[in-house]
Every structure is written in structure tokens, then in C-alpha cells.
Amino acid sequence: EHVPTWEDTDEIARAERPLGHTFFQRAVRDLQAAHAAAAPPQPPPHPTAQQHQHPPHIPHQHQYSDFEVGMAAS
């Protein structure tokens, strides 16, 4: 019997990845376009600063602190 080797499974994964990646990129682009149309342009958030906060494109769920408002105004 043929036992699949690591190379075999890697071959399968490589064949599937481009389709999923393309679909994901398209979904992200659509999402960004929808947000850009619905919200005023904002500077890109600092990657680490945004990790544990609601995304800025949902303003009614995001309470800005005085510090954040001060940083945005400067």
C-alpha cells in the first residue's frame, strides 16, 4: 500500500493555497472598500495598539480615551 509522505501532502496544500489566498484577498479588498465608503478616511492604526480594542471603523462601539483624542489632535 502507498503511505502518503510529507511531500505528497505538501503538494496538495500548495495546489489549494493559491485559490484560498486569492479569495481571501478579494474578500479583504471588498471589506476595505465598504468601510472606506462608509467611514471618513483615517490614519492606519498602530498594529499593536489596536489589538485589544474595537476597530475604529465601528465608532459606536469604540470609546476614545482622552489620551487617544489628544494624540489624534496633535
Protein backbone atom coordinates (compact mmCIF):
# COMPACT_ATOMS: atom_id res chain seq x y z
CA GLU A 1 0.00 0.00 0.00
CA HIS A 2 1.11 3.57 -0.60
CA VAL A 3 1.73 5.61 2.52
CA PRO A 4 1.47 9.37 1.82
CA THR A 5 4.75 11.11 2.51
CA TRP A 6 5.26 14.68 3.66
CA GLU A 7 5.97 15.66 0.06
CA ASP A 8 2.59 14.35 -1.08
CA THR A 9 0.64 16.33 1.47
CA ASP A 10 2.73 19.43 0.77
CA GLU A 11 1.91 19.08 -2.93
CA ILE A 12 -1.81 19.06 -2.14
CA ALA A 13 -1.55 22.03 0.19
CA ARG A 14 0.40 24.02 -2.39
CA ALA A 15 -2.22 23.30 -5.05
CA GLU A 16 -5.06 24.51 -2.83
CA ARG A 17 -3.41 27.55 -1.31
CA PRO A 18 -3.49 30.00 -4.28
CA LEU A 19 -7.27 29.70 -4.68
CA GLY A 20 -7.95 30.28 -1.00
CA HIS A 21 -5.43 33.12 -0.86
CA THR A 22 -6.95 34.85 -3.88
CA PHE A 23 -10.44 34.51 -2.43
CA PHE A 24 -9.25 35.88 0.90
CA GLN A 25 -7.55 38.87 -0.74
CA ARG A 26 -10.72 39.65 -2.69
CA ALA A 27 -12.82 39.45 0.47
CA VAL A 28 -10.43 41.77 2.31
CA ARG A 29 -10.46 44.24 -0.59
CA ASP A 30 -14.28 44.24 -0.68
CA LEU A 31 -14.40 44.74 3.08
CA GLN A 32 -11.92 47.63 2.95
CA ALA A 33 -13.82 49.25 0.09
CA ALA A 34 -17.08 49.00 2.02
CA HIS A 35 -15.50 50.55 5.09
CA ALA A 36 -13.85 53.29 3.05
CA ALA A 37 -17.22 54.17 1.53
CA ALA A 38 -18.99 54.15 4.89
CA ALA A 39 -16.41 55.95 7.03
CA PRO A 40 -14.18 59.02 6.66
CA PRO A 41 -10.54 58.21 5.90
CA GLN A 42 -8.44 57.58 8.99
CA PRO A 43 -4.71 57.14 9.50
CA PRO A 44 -3.77 53.45 9.71
CA PRO A 45 -3.91 52.24 13.33
CA HIS A 46 -0.73 51.18 15.06
CA PRO A 47 -0.71 47.37 14.77
CA THR A 48 -0.02 46.65 18.44
CA ALA A 49 -2.19 49.48 19.77
CA GLN A 50 -5.32 48.16 18.05
CA GLN A 51 -5.06 44.51 19.09
CA HIS A 52 -7.33 44.64 22.14
CA GLN A 53 -9.72 47.40 21.07
CA HIS A 54 -12.76 47.58 18.85
CA PRO A 55 -11.81 48.55 15.29
CA PRO A 56 -12.03 52.33 14.70
CA HIS A 57 -14.49 51.83 11.81
CA ILE A 58 -17.19 50.90 14.35
CA PRO A 59 -17.27 54.23 16.23
CA HIS A 60 -20.36 53.48 18.34
CA GLN A 61 -18.53 50.53 19.92
CA HIS A 62 -15.23 52.31 20.47
CA GLN A 63 -14.84 54.71 23.38
CA TYR A 64 -11.91 57.01 22.70
CA SER A 65 -9.89 57.92 25.76
CA ASP A 66 -8.64 61.46 26.37
CA PHE A 67 -5.17 60.20 25.54
CA GLU A 68 -6.25 58.88 22.14
CA VAL A 69 -8.17 62.06 21.32
CA GLY A 70 -5.14 64.12 22.30
CA MET A 71 -2.89 62.02 20.10
CA ALA A 72 -5.28 62.40 17.15
CA ALA A 73 -5.48 66.18 17.62
CA SER A 74 -1.73 66.72 17.76
